Amino acid sequence: MAKAKKQSVTVGGTADDTEAAFYEALQCGDIEKLMACWADEDEISCVHPGGPRLIGMGAIRAAFDTLFSNGCIRAWPEGLHKIESLASSVHNLRERIEVLTEDGPRMAYVVATNVYHKTAQGWRMVAHHASAASVQEMQDAVSTPQLLH
């Protein structure tokens, strides 16, 4: 059954569609929808801020199950920068995450890189790497190209 759900998320779509489904699944706390975004490969990897490197579907699912045991993850992707080719897409972005504190909800910031491969089942995530960032670090540092004329 999970295979059918996995295909329905990605077949005929784009890497952007898979990314949108990933963040929607985080916001809904839907482990099946979230795992459907991942490639069914032994080599997939995930790093949560301050956490160890997770390799493989089982380790990644267990980590998200633990995160979802506290409820959904209210994360919004912003400032997407993409590098695309015919069979892969690398998305670097900022995540704005709502965190509940003793003083009420606060925003936390994360810089993330999501890597997608085009598989026979459609576009699937093969890596997610997220690092904590401060508000000051959320500003993009962009180099300006040198003029040749």
C-alpha atoms as a PDB file:
ATOM      1  CA  MET A   1       0.000   0.000   0.000  1.00  0.00           C
ATOM      2  CA  ALA A   2       2.847   2.404   0.762  1.00  0.00           C
ATOM      3  CA  LYS A   3       4.200   1.818  -2.756  1.00  0.00           C
ATOM      4  CA  ALA A   4       0.912   2.962  -4.317  1.00  0.00           C
ATOM      5  CA  LYS A   5       0.915   6.092  -2.168  1.00  0.00           C
ATOM      6  CA  LYS A   6       4.557   6.715  -3.042  1.00  0.00           C
ATOM      7  CA  GLN A   7       3.824   6.601  -6.767  1.00  0.00           C
ATOM      8  CA  SER A   8       0.767   8.836  -6.515  1.00  0.00           C
ATOM      9  CA  VAL A   9       2.866  11.593  -4.958  1.00  0.00           C
ATOM     10  CA  THR A  10       5.531  11.704  -7.651  1.00  0.00           C
ATOM     11  CA  VAL A  11       4.565  10.168 -10.997  1.00  0.00           C
ATOM     12  CA  GLY A  12       4.148  12.794 -13.683  1.00  0.00           C
ATOM     13  CA  GLY A  13       5.313  15.548 -11.366  1.00  0.00           C
ATOM     14  CA  THR A  14       8.434  17.586 -10.918  1.00  0.00           C
ATOM     15  CA  ALA A  15      11.053  17.899  -8.193  1.00  0.00           C
ATOM     16  CA  ASP A  16       9.148  21.028  -7.114  1.00  0.00           C
ATOM     17  CA  ASP A  17       5.968  18.938  -6.715  1.00  0.00           C
ATOM     18  CA  THR A  18       7.812  16.403  -4.574  1.00  0.00           C
ATOM     19  CA  GLU A  19       9.261  19.192  -2.441  1.00  0.00           C
ATOM     20  CA  ALA A  20       5.819  20.742  -1.960  1.00  0.00           C
ATOM     21  CA  ALA A  21       4.464  17.321  -0.908  1.00  0.00           C
ATOM     22  CA  PHE A  22       7.385  16.913   1.540  1.00  0.00           C
ATOM     23  CA  TYR A  23       6.691  20.218   3.315  1.00  0.00           C
ATOM     24  CA  GLU A  24       2.929  19.601   3.287  1.00  0.00           C
ATOM     25  CA  ALA A  25       3.533  16.213   4.932  1.00  0.00           C
ATOM     26  CA  LEU A  26       5.704  17.881   7.595  1.00  0.00           C
ATOM     27  CA  GLN A  27       2.963  20.417   8.312  1.00  0.00           C
ATOM     28  CA  CYS A  28       0.303  17.682   8.534  1.00  0.00           C
ATOM     29  CA  GLY A  29       2.463  15.211  10.476  1.00  0.00           C
ATOM     30  CA  ASP A  30       1.696  12.573   7.820  1.00  0.00           C
ATOM     31  CA  ILE A  31       4.486   9.973   7.912  1.00  0.00           C
ATOM     32  CA  GLU A  32       3.131   7.996   4.935  1.00  0.00           C
ATOM     33  CA  LYS A  33       2.939  11.052   2.701  1.00  0.00           C
ATOM     34  CA  LEU A  34       6.372  12.193   3.872  1.00  0.00           C
ATOM     35  CA  MET A  35       8.025   8.834   3.225  1.00  0.00           C
ATOM     36  CA  ALA A  36       6.350   8.670  -0.193  1.00  0.00           C
ATOM     37  CA  CYS A  37       8.543  11.619  -1.187  1.00  0.00           C
ATOM     38  CA  TRP A  38      11.733   9.608  -0.595  1.00  0.00           C
ATOM     39  CA  ALA A  39      13.423   7.305  -3.106  1.00  0.00           C
ATOM     40  CA  ASP A  40      13.239   3.645  -2.192  1.00  0.00           C
ATOM     41  CA  GLU A  41      17.024   3.240  -2.137  1.00  0.00           C
ATOM     42  CA  ASP A  42      19.459   2.073   0.531  1.00  0.00           C
ATOM     43  CA  GLU A  43      21.714   5.111   0.016  1.00  0.00           C
ATOM     44  CA  ILE A  44      19.253   7.911   0.855  1.00  0.00           C
ATOM     45  CA  SER A  45      20.410  10.199   3.662  1.00  0.00           C
ATOM     46  CA  CYS A  46      19.026  12.772   6.066  1.00  0.00           C
ATOM     47  CA  VAL A  47      20.606  15.120   8.601  1.00  0.00           C
ATOM     48  CA  HIS A  48      18.432  17.061  11.030  1.00  0.00           C
ATOM     49  CA  PRO A  49      19.891  20.136  12.765  1.00  0.00           C
ATOM     50  CA  GLY A  50      22.310  18.931  15.425  1.00  0.00           C
ATOM     51  CA  GLY A  51      21.538  15.290  14.658  1.00  0.00           C
ATOM     52  CA  PRO A  52      23.512  12.356  13.279  1.00  0.00           C
ATOM     53  CA  ARG A  53      23.593  11.354   9.626  1.00  0.00           C
ATOM     54  CA  LEU A  54      20.750   8.924   8.928  1.00  0.00           C
ATOM     55  CA  ILE A  55      21.228   6.421   6.106  1.00  0.00           C
ATOM     56  CA  GLY A  56      18.415   4.369   4.603  1.00  0.00           C
ATOM     57  CA  MET A  57      14.642   4.348   4.679  1.00  0.00           C
ATOM     58  CA  GLY A  58      14.341   2.673   8.101  1.00  0.00           C
ATOM     59  CA  ALA A  59      16.546   5.178   9.947  1.00  0.00           C
ATOM     60  CA  ILE A  60      14.919   8.160   8.239  1.00  0.00           C
ATOM     61  CA  ARG A  61      11.400   6.927   8.941  1.00  0.00           C
ATOM     62  CA  ALA A  62      12.229   6.254  12.608  1.00  0.00           C
ATOM     63  CA  ALA A  63      13.601   9.798  13.023  1.00  0.00           C
ATOM     64  CA  PHE A  64      10.512  11.402  11.470  1.00  0.00           C
ATOM     65  CA  ASP A  65       8.233   9.114  13.513  1.00  0.00           C
ATOM     66  CA  THR A  66       9.957  10.451  16.641  1.00  0.00           C
ATOM     67  CA  LEU A  67       9.578  14.052  15.452  1.00  0.00           C
ATOM     68  CA  PHE A  68       5.893  13.523  14.624  1.00  0.00           C
ATOM     69  CA  SER A  69       5.244  11.979  18.066  1.00  0.00           C
ATOM     70  CA  ASN A  70       5.375  15.599  19.304  1.00  0.00           C
ATOM     71  CA  GLY A  71       2.935  16.751  16.598  1.00  0.00           C
ATOM     72  CA  CYS A  72       3.347  18.196  13.148  1.00  0.00           C
ATOM     73  CA  ILE A  73       6.313  20.303  12.062  1.00  0.00           C
ATOM     74  CA  ARG A  74       5.207  23.753  11.013  1.00  0.00           C
ATOM     75  CA  ALA A  75       7.935  24.482   8.451  1.00  0.00           C
ATOM     76  CA  TRP A  76       7.721  26.827   5.481  1.00  0.00           C
ATOM     77  CA  PRO A  77      10.303  26.769   2.691  1.00  0.00           C
ATOM     78  CA  GLU A  78      11.561  30.181   1.538  1.00  0.00           C
ATOM     79  CA  GLY A  79      14.271  31.623  -0.706  1.00  0.00           C
ATOM     80  CA  LEU A  80      14.644  28.595  -2.969  1.00  0.00           C
ATOM     81  CA  HIS A  81      17.792  28.361  -5.106  1.00  0.00           C
ATOM     82  CA  LYS A  82      17.845  25.449  -7.594  1.00  0.00           C
ATOM     83  CA  ILE A  83      20.414  23.681  -9.711  1.00  0.00           C
ATOM     84  CA  GLU A  84      18.665  21.363 -12.155  1.00  0.00           C
ATOM     85  CA  SER A  85      19.646  18.769 -14.744  1.00  0.00           C
ATOM     86  CA  LEU A  86      17.696  16.147 -16.650  1.00  0.00           C
ATOM     87  CA  ALA A  87      17.804  13.572 -13.834  1.00  0.00           C
ATOM     88  CA  SER A  88      18.616  15.525 -10.674  1.00  0.00           C
ATOM     89  CA  SER A  89      17.627  18.693  -8.908  1.00  0.00           C
ATOM     90  CA  VAL A  90      19.389  20.287  -5.931  1.00  0.00           C
ATOM     91  CA  HIS A  91      17.303  22.714  -3.891  1.00  0.00           C
ATOM     92  CA  ASN A  92      18.952  24.984  -1.345  1.00  0.00           C
ATOM     93  CA  LEU A  93      16.488  26.936   0.759  1.00  0.00           C
ATOM     94  CA  ARG A  94      15.667  28.485   4.073  1.00  0.00           C
ATOM     95  CA  GLU A  95      13.095  26.923   6.378  1.00  0.00           C
ATOM     96  CA  ARG A  96      11.090  29.043   8.773  1.00  0.00           C
ATOM     97  CA  ILE A  97       9.901  26.750  11.553  1.00  0.00           C
ATOM     98  CA  GLU A  98       7.363  27.541  14.251  1.00  0.00           C
ATOM     99  CA  VAL A  99       8.545  26.249  17.623  1.00  0.00           C
ATOM    100  CA  LEU A 100       6.384  26.213  20.749  1.00  0.00           C
ATOM    101  CA  THR A 101       8.189  27.643  23.779  1.00  0.00           C
ATOM    102  CA  GLU A 102       7.118  28.485  27.328  1.00  0.00           C
ATOM    103  CA  ASP A 103       6.469  32.023  26.047  1.00  0.00           C
ATOM    104  CA  GLY A 104       4.348  30.803  23.136  1.00  0.00           C
ATOM    105  CA  PRO A 105       5.186  30.172  19.482  1.00  0.00           C
ATOM    106  CA  ARG A 106       8.520  31.474  18.180  1.00  0.00           C
ATOM    107  CA  MET A 107      10.258  31.194  14.831  1.00  0.00           C
ATOM    108  CA  ALA A 108      13.401  29.118  14.348  1.00  0.00           C
ATOM    109  CA  TYR A 109      15.429  29.184  11.159  1.00  0.00           C
ATOM    110  CA  VAL A 110      17.107  26.395   9.243  1.00  0.00           C
ATOM    111  CA  VAL A 111      19.144  26.279   6.051  1.00  0.00           C
ATOM    112  CA  ALA A 112      18.398  23.103   4.102  1.00  0.00           C
ATOM    113  CA  THR A 113      19.561  21.313   0.988  1.00  0.00           C
ATOM    114  CA  ASN A 114      17.191  18.817  -0.638  1.00  0.00           C
ATOM    115  CA  VAL A 115      18.420  16.585  -3.459  1.00  0.00           C
ATOM    116  CA  TYR A 116      15.990  14.922  -5.864  1.00  0.00           C
ATOM    117  CA  HIS A 117      16.584  12.264  -8.525  1.00  0.00           C
ATOM    118  CA  LYS A 118      14.249  11.369 -11.351  1.00  0.00           C
ATOM    119  CA  THR A 119      13.447   7.679 -10.904  1.00  0.00           C
ATOM    120  CA  ALA A 120      11.181   5.246 -12.730  1.00  0.00           C
ATOM    121  CA  GLN A 121       8.534   6.187 -10.124  1.00  0.00           C
ATOM    122  CA  GLY A 122       9.001   9.935 -10.633  1.00  0.00           C
ATOM    123  CA  TRP A 123      10.997  12.583  -8.776  1.00  0.00           C
ATOM    124  CA  ARG A 124      12.098  11.387  -5.341  1.00  0.00           C
ATOM    125  CA  MET A 125      14.141  12.895  -2.535  1.00  0.00           C
ATOM    126  CA  VAL A 126      17.507  11.198  -2.009  1.00  0.00           C
ATOM    127  CA  ALA A 127      18.998  13.601   0.553  1.00  0.00           C
ATOM    128  CA  HIS A 128      17.813  16.216   3.049  1.00  0.00           C
ATOM    129  CA  HIS A 129      20.424  18.114   5.071  1.00  0.00           C
ATOM    130  CA  ALA A 130      19.302  20.836   7.470  1.00  0.00           C
ATOM    131  CA  SER A 131      21.400  23.078   9.717  1.00  0.00           C
ATOM    132  CA  ALA A 132      20.204  25.532  12.352  1.00  0.00           C
ATOM    133  CA  ALA A 133      20.660  29.205  11.503  1.00  0.00           C
ATOM    134  CA  SER A 134      20.129  32.492  13.296  1.00  0.00           C
ATOM    135  CA  VAL A 135      18.008  35.349  11.966  1.00  0.00           C
ATOM    136  CA  GLN A 136      21.219  37.128  10.924  1.00  0.00           C
ATOM    137  CA  GLU A 137      22.444  34.044   9.058  1.00  0.00           C
ATOM    138  CA  MET A 138      19.201  33.893   7.088  1.00  0.00           C
ATOM    139  CA  GLN A 139      20.327  36.736   4.842  1.00  0.00           C
ATOM    140  CA  ASP A 140      21.758  35.436   1.588  1.00  0.00           C
ATOM    141  CA  ALA A 141      25.356  36.253   0.811  1.00  0.00           C
ATOM    142  CA  VAL A 142      25.477  36.622  -2.951  1.00  0.00           C
ATOM    143  CA  SER A 143      28.572  37.503  -4.870  1.00  0.00           C
ATOM    144  CA  THR A 144      28.114  39.949  -7.695  1.00  0.00           C
ATOM    145  CA  PRO A 145      29.594  38.925 -11.025  1.00  0.00           C
ATOM    146  CA  GLN A 146      32.542  40.869 -12.323  1.00  0.00           C
ATOM    147  CA  LEU A 147      31.846  42.914 -15.456  1.00  0.00           C
ATOM    148  CA  LEU A 148      33.931  41.885 -18.410  1.00  0.00           C
ATOM    149  CA  HIS A 149      33.467  45.164 -20.326  1.00  0.00           C
END
